[in-house]
């Protein structure tokens, strides 16, 4: 039996592009896709400020909002393969790597934040590339403006590791 393709989905434009790419690859391989949304309920881990803490919603509301976000992203992507929706509580990088333990491929979108941001807060795509047990495909954010090398809609994904 073929292993699924795992894809990180946070509702952003680039994560939906990653999901579409994963769907196309799943069709080519004849496998399923698992769309993963990782979220965390620890306000300190989320980097929330005091105003955010005052406005915190009950965990059940947050969970339902994340479930709805994932379902909407899957619907936006459109699909012709079986897609399993998976909500995981935890930091996105480690949660995606854990989900990829039984996968052939992990697909993530890159928001293209600057190096300072990534050094201070970390990068999900960077974490996945360095810790994933399977090959990782990073889909660049086609809408992010880069000073030296603009990324177009046709930009190829960055693949780390051998593809089958």
N, C-alpha and C. Protein backbone atom coordinates (compact mmCIF):
# COMPACT_ATOMS: atom_id res chain seq x y z
N UNK A 1 0.84 -1.19 0.00
CA UNK A 1 0.00 0.00 0.00
C UNK A 1 0.88 1.24 0.00
N UNK A 2 0.52 2.20 -0.81
CA UNK A 2 1.28 3.44 -0.89
C UNK A 2 0.96 4.33 0.31
N UNK A 3 1.97 5.03 0.74
CA UNK A 3 1.81 5.94 1.87
C UNK A 3 1.26 7.27 1.38
N UNK A 4 0.56 8.01 2.24
CA UNK A 4 -0.05 9.28 1.82
C UNK A 4 0.97 10.40 1.70
N UNK A 5 0.52 11.47 1.09
CA UNK A 5 1.27 12.72 1.06
C UNK A 5 0.67 13.59 2.16
N UNK A 6 1.53 14.10 3.03
CA UNK A 6 1.11 14.98 4.11
C UNK A 6 1.34 16.40 3.66
N UNK A 7 0.38 17.29 3.92
CA UNK A 7 0.54 18.70 3.55
C UNK A 7 0.07 19.59 4.70
N UNK A 8 0.90 20.58 5.03
CA UNK A 8 0.55 21.53 6.07
C UNK A 8 -0.40 22.59 5.53
N UNK A 9 -1.49 22.83 6.26
CA UNK A 9 -2.51 23.79 5.81
C UNK A 9 -2.83 24.73 6.97
N UNK A 10 -2.54 26.03 6.77
CA UNK A 10 -2.88 27.02 7.80
C UNK A 10 -3.91 28.03 7.30
N UNK A 11 -4.46 27.80 6.12
CA UNK A 11 -5.46 28.69 5.56
C UNK A 11 -4.90 29.80 4.69
N UNK A 12 -3.58 29.97 4.70
CA UNK A 12 -2.95 31.02 3.89
C UNK A 12 -2.99 30.65 2.41
N UNK A 13 -2.78 31.64 1.57
CA UNK A 13 -2.75 31.41 0.12
C UNK A 13 -1.68 30.39 -0.25
N UNK A 14 -0.51 30.51 0.37
CA UNK A 14 0.58 29.58 0.02
C UNK A 14 0.29 28.17 0.52
N UNK A 15 -0.43 28.03 1.63
CA UNK A 15 -0.74 26.67 2.09
C UNK A 15 -1.78 26.02 1.18
N UNK A 16 -2.69 26.81 0.63
CA UNK A 16 -3.66 26.27 -0.33
C UNK A 16 -2.95 25.89 -1.63
N UNK A 17 -1.96 26.68 -2.03
CA UNK A 17 -1.14 26.31 -3.20
C UNK A 17 -0.39 25.01 -2.93
N UNK A 18 0.12 24.85 -1.72
CA UNK A 18 0.81 23.60 -1.35
C UNK A 18 -0.16 22.42 -1.40
N UNK A 19 -1.38 22.64 -0.93
CA UNK A 19 -2.39 21.59 -0.96
C UNK A 19 -2.72 21.21 -2.41
N UNK A 20 -2.86 22.20 -3.27
CA UNK A 20 -3.14 21.92 -4.69
C UNK A 20 -1.99 21.12 -5.31
N UNK A 21 -0.75 21.51 -4.98
CA UNK A 21 0.41 20.80 -5.51
C UNK A 21 0.39 19.36 -5.01
N UNK A 22 0.08 19.17 -3.73
CA UNK A 22 0.04 17.83 -3.15
C UNK A 22 -1.06 16.98 -3.81
N UNK A 23 -2.19 17.59 -4.11
CA UNK A 23 -3.28 16.87 -4.78
C UNK A 23 -2.83 16.41 -6.15
N UNK A 24 -2.20 17.30 -6.91
CA UNK A 24 -1.70 16.92 -8.24
C UNK A 24 -0.69 15.78 -8.15
N UNK A 25 0.20 15.86 -7.17
CA UNK A 25 1.21 14.81 -7.00
C UNK A 25 0.55 13.50 -6.56
N UNK A 26 -0.47 13.58 -5.72
CA UNK A 26 -1.18 12.38 -5.28
C UNK A 26 -1.88 11.69 -6.45
N UNK A 27 -2.44 12.48 -7.35
CA UNK A 27 -3.07 11.92 -8.54
C UNK A 27 -2.02 11.17 -9.37
N UNK A 28 -0.87 11.80 -9.55
CA UNK A 28 0.21 11.18 -10.33
C UNK A 28 0.67 9.87 -9.70
N UNK A 29 0.75 9.85 -8.37
CA UNK A 29 1.25 8.67 -7.65
C UNK A 29 0.17 7.64 -7.33
N UNK A 30 -1.09 8.07 -7.41
CA UNK A 30 -2.18 7.17 -7.04
C UNK A 30 -2.28 6.94 -5.54
N UNK A 31 -2.05 8.02 -4.77
CA UNK A 31 -2.11 7.94 -3.31
C UNK A 31 -3.10 8.95 -2.76
N UNK A 32 -3.27 8.94 -1.46
CA UNK A 32 -4.17 9.89 -0.81
C UNK A 32 -3.37 11.06 -0.23
N UNK A 33 -4.11 12.08 0.21
CA UNK A 33 -3.51 13.26 0.82
C UNK A 33 -4.07 13.40 2.23
N UNK A 34 -3.19 13.76 3.16
CA UNK A 34 -3.64 14.12 4.50
C UNK A 34 -3.32 15.59 4.69
N UNK A 35 -4.37 16.41 4.82
CA UNK A 35 -4.23 17.85 5.05
C UNK A 35 -4.18 18.07 6.56
N UNK A 36 -3.05 18.61 7.04
CA UNK A 36 -2.83 18.77 8.47
C UNK A 36 -2.84 20.24 8.86
N UNK A 37 -3.65 20.55 9.87
CA UNK A 37 -3.62 21.88 10.47
C UNK A 37 -3.15 21.70 11.90
N UNK A 38 -2.01 22.28 12.21
CA UNK A 38 -1.47 22.20 13.57
C UNK A 38 -1.73 23.52 14.27
N UNK A 39 -2.22 23.45 15.47
CA UNK A 39 -2.53 24.65 16.24
C UNK A 39 -2.12 24.38 17.68
N UNK A 40 -1.92 25.45 18.41
CA UNK A 40 -1.54 25.29 19.81
C UNK A 40 -2.38 26.22 20.68
N UNK A 41 -2.71 25.70 21.86
CA UNK A 41 -3.55 26.46 22.77
C UNK A 41 -2.75 27.16 23.85
N UNK A 42 -1.44 27.00 23.85
CA UNK A 42 -0.58 27.65 24.84
C UNK A 42 -0.32 29.08 24.40
N UNK A 43 -0.90 30.08 25.07
CA UNK A 43 -0.72 31.47 24.65
C UNK A 43 0.74 31.92 24.62
N UNK A 44 1.54 31.43 25.55
CA UNK A 44 2.95 31.83 25.58
C UNK A 44 3.67 31.31 24.34
N UNK A 45 3.37 30.07 23.95
CA UNK A 45 4.02 29.48 22.79
C UNK A 45 3.60 30.18 21.50
N UNK A 46 2.40 30.73 21.52
CA UNK A 46 1.89 31.40 20.32
C UNK A 46 2.43 32.82 20.18
N UNK A 47 3.12 33.31 21.19
CA UNK A 47 3.68 34.66 21.13
C UNK A 47 2.62 35.74 21.23
N UNK A 48 1.55 35.45 21.94
CA UNK A 48 0.47 36.42 22.06
C UNK A 48 0.83 37.53 23.04
N UNK A 49 0.36 38.73 22.73
CA UNK A 49 0.58 39.84 23.66
C UNK A 49 -0.57 39.91 24.66
N UNK A 50 -0.50 40.86 25.58
CA UNK A 50 -1.49 40.94 26.66
C UNK A 50 -2.91 41.14 26.13
N UNK A 51 -3.08 41.98 25.11
CA UNK A 51 -4.40 42.21 24.55
C UNK A 51 -4.96 40.91 23.96
N UNK A 52 -4.09 40.14 23.29
CA UNK A 52 -4.54 38.86 22.74
C UNK A 52 -5.01 37.93 23.85
N UNK A 53 -4.27 37.92 24.97
CA UNK A 53 -4.62 37.04 26.08
C UNK A 53 -5.99 37.38 26.65
N UNK A 54 -6.31 38.67 26.71
CA UNK A 54 -7.62 39.10 27.23
C UNK A 54 -8.74 38.60 26.32
N UNK A 55 -8.45 38.52 25.02
CA UNK A 55 -9.47 38.14 24.04
C UNK A 55 -9.48 36.64 23.73
N UNK A 56 -8.75 35.85 24.49
CA UNK A 56 -8.70 34.42 24.21
C UNK A 56 -10.09 33.79 24.26
N UNK A 57 -10.33 32.94 23.28
CA UNK A 57 -11.59 32.21 23.24
C UNK A 57 -11.43 30.87 23.93
N UNK A 58 -12.51 30.27 24.36
CA UNK A 58 -12.43 28.93 24.95
C UNK A 58 -11.81 27.95 23.94
N UNK A 59 -11.13 26.95 24.48
CA UNK A 59 -10.44 25.97 23.65
C UNK A 59 -11.39 25.33 22.63
N UNK A 60 -12.61 25.03 23.03
CA UNK A 60 -13.58 24.40 22.13
C UNK A 60 -13.88 25.29 20.93
N UNK A 61 -13.95 26.60 21.15
CA UNK A 61 -14.20 27.54 20.04
C UNK A 61 -13.00 27.59 19.10
N UNK A 62 -11.81 27.59 19.67
CA UNK A 62 -10.59 27.62 18.85
C UNK A 62 -10.51 26.35 18.01
N UNK A 63 -10.78 25.21 18.63
CA UNK A 63 -10.75 23.93 17.91
C UNK A 63 -11.75 23.93 16.76
N UNK A 64 -12.94 24.41 17.00
CA UNK A 64 -13.96 24.47 15.94
C UNK A 64 -13.54 25.42 14.83
N UNK A 65 -12.94 26.55 15.19
CA UNK A 65 -12.46 27.50 14.17
C UNK A 65 -11.35 26.87 13.32
N UNK A 66 -10.46 26.12 13.94
CA UNK A 66 -9.39 25.46 13.19
C UNK A 66 -9.95 24.37 12.28
N UNK A 67 -10.94 23.65 12.77
CA UNK A 67 -11.59 22.60 11.96
C UNK A 67 -12.24 23.24 10.73
N UNK A 68 -12.91 24.37 10.95
CA UNK A 68 -13.57 25.08 9.84
C UNK A 68 -12.54 25.64 8.86
N UNK A 69 -11.44 26.19 9.38
CA UNK A 69 -10.37 26.71 8.52
C UNK A 69 -9.84 25.60 7.61
N UNK A 70 -9.59 24.44 8.18
CA UNK A 70 -9.06 23.31 7.40
C UNK A 70 -10.06 22.86 6.34
N UNK A 71 -11.32 22.73 6.73
CA UNK A 71 -12.35 22.31 5.77
C UNK A 71 -12.49 23.32 4.63
N UNK A 72 -12.46 24.61 4.95
CA UNK A 72 -12.54 25.65 3.92
C UNK A 72 -11.35 25.59 2.97
N UNK A 73 -10.16 25.37 3.51
CA UNK A 73 -8.96 25.29 2.67
C UNK A 73 -9.05 24.09 1.72
N UNK A 74 -9.51 22.97 2.22
CA UNK A 74 -9.66 21.78 1.38
C UNK A 74 -10.69 22.05 0.29
N UNK A 75 -11.79 22.70 0.64
CA UNK A 75 -12.81 23.03 -0.36
C UNK A 75 -12.27 24.00 -1.40
N UNK A 76 -11.49 24.98 -0.97
CA UNK A 76 -10.90 25.95 -1.90
C UNK A 76 -9.95 25.29 -2.88
N UNK A 77 -9.21 24.31 -2.40
CA UNK A 77 -8.21 23.66 -3.25
C UNK A 77 -8.87 22.83 -4.34
N UNK A 78 -10.07 22.36 -4.07
CA UNK A 78 -10.71 21.46 -5.03
C UNK A 78 -9.90 20.17 -5.06
N UNK A 79 -10.55 19.06 -5.27
CA UNK A 79 -9.78 17.83 -5.26
C UNK A 79 -10.48 16.69 -5.96
N UNK A 80 -9.67 15.78 -6.45
CA UNK A 80 -10.17 14.58 -7.11
C UNK A 80 -9.52 13.34 -6.50
N UNK A 81 -8.91 13.51 -5.34
CA UNK A 81 -8.34 12.39 -4.61
C UNK A 81 -8.92 12.39 -3.21
N UNK A 82 -8.74 11.27 -2.52
CA UNK A 82 -9.19 11.19 -1.14
C UNK A 82 -8.31 12.08 -0.26
N UNK A 83 -8.95 12.97 0.51
CA UNK A 83 -8.23 13.85 1.42
C UNK A 83 -8.75 13.63 2.83
N UNK A 84 -7.82 13.32 3.72
CA UNK A 84 -8.15 13.21 5.13
C UNK A 84 -7.76 14.52 5.80
N UNK A 85 -8.65 15.06 6.59
CA UNK A 85 -8.36 16.29 7.33
C UNK A 85 -7.94 15.91 8.74
N UNK A 86 -6.78 16.45 9.18
CA UNK A 86 -6.23 16.10 10.48
C UNK A 86 -5.87 17.35 11.25
N UNK A 87 -6.47 17.52 12.43
CA UNK A 87 -6.12 18.61 13.34
C UNK A 87 -5.17 18.07 14.39
N UNK A 88 -4.05 18.76 14.57
CA UNK A 88 -3.09 18.37 15.61
C UNK A 88 -2.80 19.57 16.49
N UNK A 89 -2.82 19.34 17.78
CA UNK A 89 -2.47 20.41 18.70
C UNK A 89 -0.97 20.37 18.94
N UNK A 90 -0.32 21.51 18.76
CA UNK A 90 1.12 21.59 18.96
C UNK A 90 1.74 22.58 18.00
N UNK A 91 3.02 22.81 18.16
CA UNK A 91 3.74 23.69 17.25
C UNK A 91 3.70 23.08 15.85
N UNK A 92 3.48 23.89 14.81
CA UNK A 92 3.31 23.35 13.46
C UNK A 92 4.46 22.49 12.95
N UNK A 93 5.70 22.93 13.11
CA UNK A 93 6.83 22.16 12.59
C UNK A 93 6.89 20.75 13.16
N UNK A 94 7.00 20.61 14.48
CA UNK A 94 7.04 19.28 15.07
C UNK A 94 5.79 18.44 14.78
N UNK A 95 4.62 19.08 14.75
CA UNK A 95 3.38 18.34 14.47
C UNK A 95 3.40 17.78 13.05
N UNK A 96 3.86 18.58 12.08
CA UNK A 96 3.92 18.09 10.70
C UNK A 96 4.95 16.98 10.54
N UNK A 97 6.09 17.13 11.20
CA UNK A 97 7.12 16.08 11.14
C UNK A 97 6.58 14.79 11.74
N UNK A 98 5.86 14.90 12.85
CA UNK A 98 5.27 13.72 13.47
C UNK A 98 4.26 13.07 12.52
N UNK A 99 3.43 13.88 11.88
CA UNK A 99 2.43 13.36 10.94
C UNK A 99 3.09 12.69 9.74
N UNK A 100 4.28 13.14 9.38
CA UNK A 100 4.99 12.61 8.21
C UNK A 100 5.72 11.30 8.50
N UNK A 101 5.65 10.81 9.73
CA UNK A 101 6.37 9.58 10.10
C UNK A 101 5.98 8.40 9.22
N UNK A 102 4.75 8.36 8.77
CA UNK A 102 4.29 7.26 7.93
C UNK A 102 3.91 7.74 6.53
N UNK A 103 4.62 8.76 6.04
CA UNK A 103 4.29 9.34 4.73
C UNK A 103 5.44 9.15 3.75
N UNK A 104 5.13 9.25 2.48
CA UNK A 104 6.16 9.24 1.44
C UNK A 104 6.69 10.63 1.16
N UNK A 105 5.89 11.65 1.49
CA UNK A 105 6.24 13.02 1.12
C UNK A 105 5.53 13.99 2.06
N UNK A 106 6.23 15.06 2.42
CA UNK A 106 5.67 16.15 3.21
C UNK A 106 5.73 17.41 2.36
N UNK A 107 4.61 18.12 2.25
CA UNK A 107 4.54 19.34 1.44
C UNK A 107 4.15 20.49 2.36
N UNK A 108 4.92 21.57 2.29
CA UNK A 108 4.63 22.76 3.08
C UNK A 108 4.80 24.00 2.20
N UNK A 109 4.10 25.05 2.58
CA UNK A 109 4.27 26.33 1.91
C UNK A 109 5.26 27.17 2.69
N UNK A 110 5.96 28.04 1.98
CA UNK A 110 6.90 28.94 2.63
C UNK A 110 6.37 30.36 2.52
N UNK A 111 6.19 31.00 3.67
CA UNK A 111 5.69 32.37 3.68
C UNK A 111 6.77 33.36 3.25
N UNK A 112 8.03 32.94 3.24
CA UNK A 112 9.11 33.79 2.77
C UNK A 112 9.47 34.92 3.71
N UNK A 113 9.32 34.70 5.02
CA UNK A 113 9.72 35.72 5.97
C UNK A 113 11.23 35.94 5.89
N UNK A 114 11.70 37.06 6.41
CA UNK A 114 13.12 37.35 6.33
C UNK A 114 13.92 36.51 7.34
N UNK A 115 15.24 36.53 7.19
CA UNK A 115 16.11 35.69 8.03
C UNK A 115 16.02 36.05 9.50
N UNK A 116 15.85 37.32 9.83
CA UNK A 116 15.74 37.70 11.23
C UNK A 116 14.50 37.08 11.85
N UNK A 117 13.39 37.16 11.17
CA UNK A 117 12.15 36.56 11.66
C UNK A 117 12.34 35.06 11.90
N UNK A 118 12.93 34.38 10.92
CA UNK A 118 13.14 32.95 11.04
C UNK A 118 14.09 32.61 12.18
N UNK A 119 15.12 33.42 12.38
CA UNK A 119 16.09 33.16 13.45
C UNK A 119 15.44 33.34 14.82
N UNK A 120 14.56 34.31 14.94
CA UNK A 120 13.93 34.58 16.23
C UNK A 120 12.74 33.66 16.51
N UNK A 121 11.90 33.44 15.54
CA UNK A 121 10.67 32.71 15.76
C UNK A 121 10.66 31.32 15.14
N UNK A 122 11.61 31.05 14.28
CA UNK A 122 11.63 29.76 13.62
C UNK A 122 10.80 29.77 12.35
N UNK A 123 10.99 28.79 11.53
CA UNK A 123 10.28 28.67 10.28
C UNK A 123 9.77 27.24 10.18
N UNK A 124 8.50 27.10 9.91
CA UNK A 124 7.91 25.77 9.80
C UNK A 124 8.58 25.00 8.67
N UNK A 125 8.73 25.64 7.51
CA UNK A 125 9.34 24.92 6.38
C UNK A 125 10.78 24.53 6.69
N UNK A 126 11.52 25.42 7.32
CA UNK A 126 12.90 25.10 7.69
C UNK A 126 12.94 23.94 8.69
N UNK A 127 12.07 23.97 9.67
CA UNK A 127 12.02 22.89 10.65
C UNK A 127 11.74 21.56 9.95
N UNK A 128 10.76 21.57 9.06
CA UNK A 128 10.38 20.34 8.37
C UNK A 128 11.52 19.81 7.51
N UNK A 129 12.20 20.70 6.80
CA UNK A 129 13.32 20.28 5.96
C UNK A 129 14.41 19.61 6.80
N UNK A 130 14.66 20.13 7.98
CA UNK A 130 15.74 19.61 8.82
C UNK A 130 15.36 18.39 9.66
N UNK A 131 14.06 18.15 9.86
CA UNK A 131 13.67 17.08 10.78
C UNK A 131 12.76 16.01 10.18
N UNK A 132 12.28 16.20 8.99
CA UNK A 132 11.31 15.27 8.42
C UNK A 132 11.93 13.89 8.15
N UNK A 133 11.16 12.83 8.41
CA UNK A 133 11.63 11.49 8.11
C UNK A 133 11.46 11.11 6.64
N UNK A 134 10.85 11.99 5.86
CA UNK A 134 10.63 11.71 4.44
C UNK A 134 11.00 12.97 3.63
N UNK A 135 11.07 12.85 2.31
CA UNK A 135 11.37 14.03 1.49
C UNK A 135 10.34 15.14 1.72
N UNK A 136 10.80 16.39 1.57
CA UNK A 136 9.97 17.57 1.79
C UNK A 136 9.95 18.41 0.52
N UNK A 137 8.76 18.86 0.14
CA UNK A 137 8.61 19.80 -0.96
C UNK A 137 8.15 21.11 -0.36
N UNK A 138 8.87 22.19 -0.66
CA UNK A 138 8.52 23.52 -0.15
C UNK A 138 7.98 24.35 -1.31
N UNK A 139 6.75 24.78 -1.18
CA UNK A 139 6.11 25.60 -2.21
C UNK A 139 6.33 27.07 -1.85
N UNK A 140 6.97 27.83 -2.74
CA UNK A 140 7.22 29.25 -2.43
C UNK A 140 5.94 30.08 -2.51
N UNK A 141 5.91 31.16 -1.76
CA UNK A 141 4.78 32.08 -1.78
C UNK A 141 4.89 32.93 -3.03
N UNK A 142 4.01 32.70 -3.97
CA UNK A 142 4.06 33.41 -5.25
C UNK A 142 3.64 34.86 -5.12
N UNK A 143 3.01 35.23 -4.01
CA UNK A 143 2.51 36.59 -3.85
C UNK A 143 3.44 37.47 -3.03
N UNK A 144 4.48 36.89 -2.48
CA UNK A 144 5.43 37.66 -1.67
C UNK A 144 6.38 38.39 -2.61
N UNK A 145 6.63 39.65 -2.34
CA UNK A 145 7.52 40.44 -3.18
C UNK A 145 8.96 40.28 -2.70
N UNK A 146 9.80 39.84 -3.61
CA UNK A 146 11.21 39.67 -3.31
C UNK A 146 11.99 40.73 -4.08
N UNK A 147 12.94 41.33 -3.42
CA UNK A 147 13.71 42.41 -4.05
C UNK A 147 14.57 41.93 -5.21
N UNK A 148 15.25 40.81 -5.03
CA UNK A 148 16.20 40.38 -6.05
C UNK A 148 15.64 39.34 -7.01
N UNK A 149 14.80 38.45 -6.50
CA UNK A 149 14.32 37.37 -7.36
C UNK A 149 12.82 37.17 -7.15
N UNK A 150 12.01 37.84 -7.94
CA UNK A 150 10.57 37.67 -7.77
C UNK A 150 10.15 36.23 -8.10
N UNK A 151 9.20 35.75 -7.34
CA UNK A 151 8.67 34.41 -7.56
C UNK A 151 7.39 34.56 -8.36
N UNK A 152 7.27 33.81 -9.41
CA UNK A 152 6.08 33.89 -10.25
C UNK A 152 5.17 32.72 -9.93
N UNK A 153 3.98 32.77 -10.46
CA UNK A 153 3.02 31.70 -10.26
C UNK A 153 3.58 30.37 -10.76
N UNK A 154 4.48 30.40 -11.74
CA UNK A 154 5.02 29.19 -12.32
C UNK A 154 6.31 28.72 -11.66
N UNK A 155 6.67 29.33 -10.54
CA UNK A 155 7.90 28.95 -9.87
C UNK A 155 7.83 27.50 -9.42
N UNK A 156 8.88 26.74 -9.67
CA UNK A 156 8.86 25.34 -9.26
C UNK A 156 9.06 25.23 -7.74
N UNK A 157 8.54 24.17 -7.15
CA UNK A 157 8.77 23.97 -5.72
C UNK A 157 10.20 23.56 -5.46
N UNK A 158 10.64 23.80 -4.26
CA UNK A 158 11.96 23.35 -3.82
C UNK A 158 11.77 21.98 -3.22
N UNK A 159 12.48 20.98 -3.73
CA UNK A 159 12.35 19.63 -3.24
C UNK A 159 13.61 19.26 -2.49
N UNK A 160 13.43 18.75 -1.28
CA UNK A 160 14.54 18.29 -0.48
C UNK A 160 14.40 16.79 -0.31
N UNK A 161 15.38 16.05 -0.76
CA UNK A 161 15.35 14.60 -0.63
C UNK A 161 14.91 13.96 -1.93
N UNK A 162 15.14 12.67 -2.06
CA UNK A 162 14.80 11.98 -3.31
C UNK A 162 13.30 11.79 -3.44
N UNK A 163 12.80 11.99 -4.63
CA UNK A 163 11.40 11.70 -4.93
C UNK A 163 11.33 10.37 -5.65
N UNK A 164 10.30 9.64 -5.37
CA UNK A 164 10.14 8.32 -5.99
C UNK A 164 9.53 8.43 -7.35
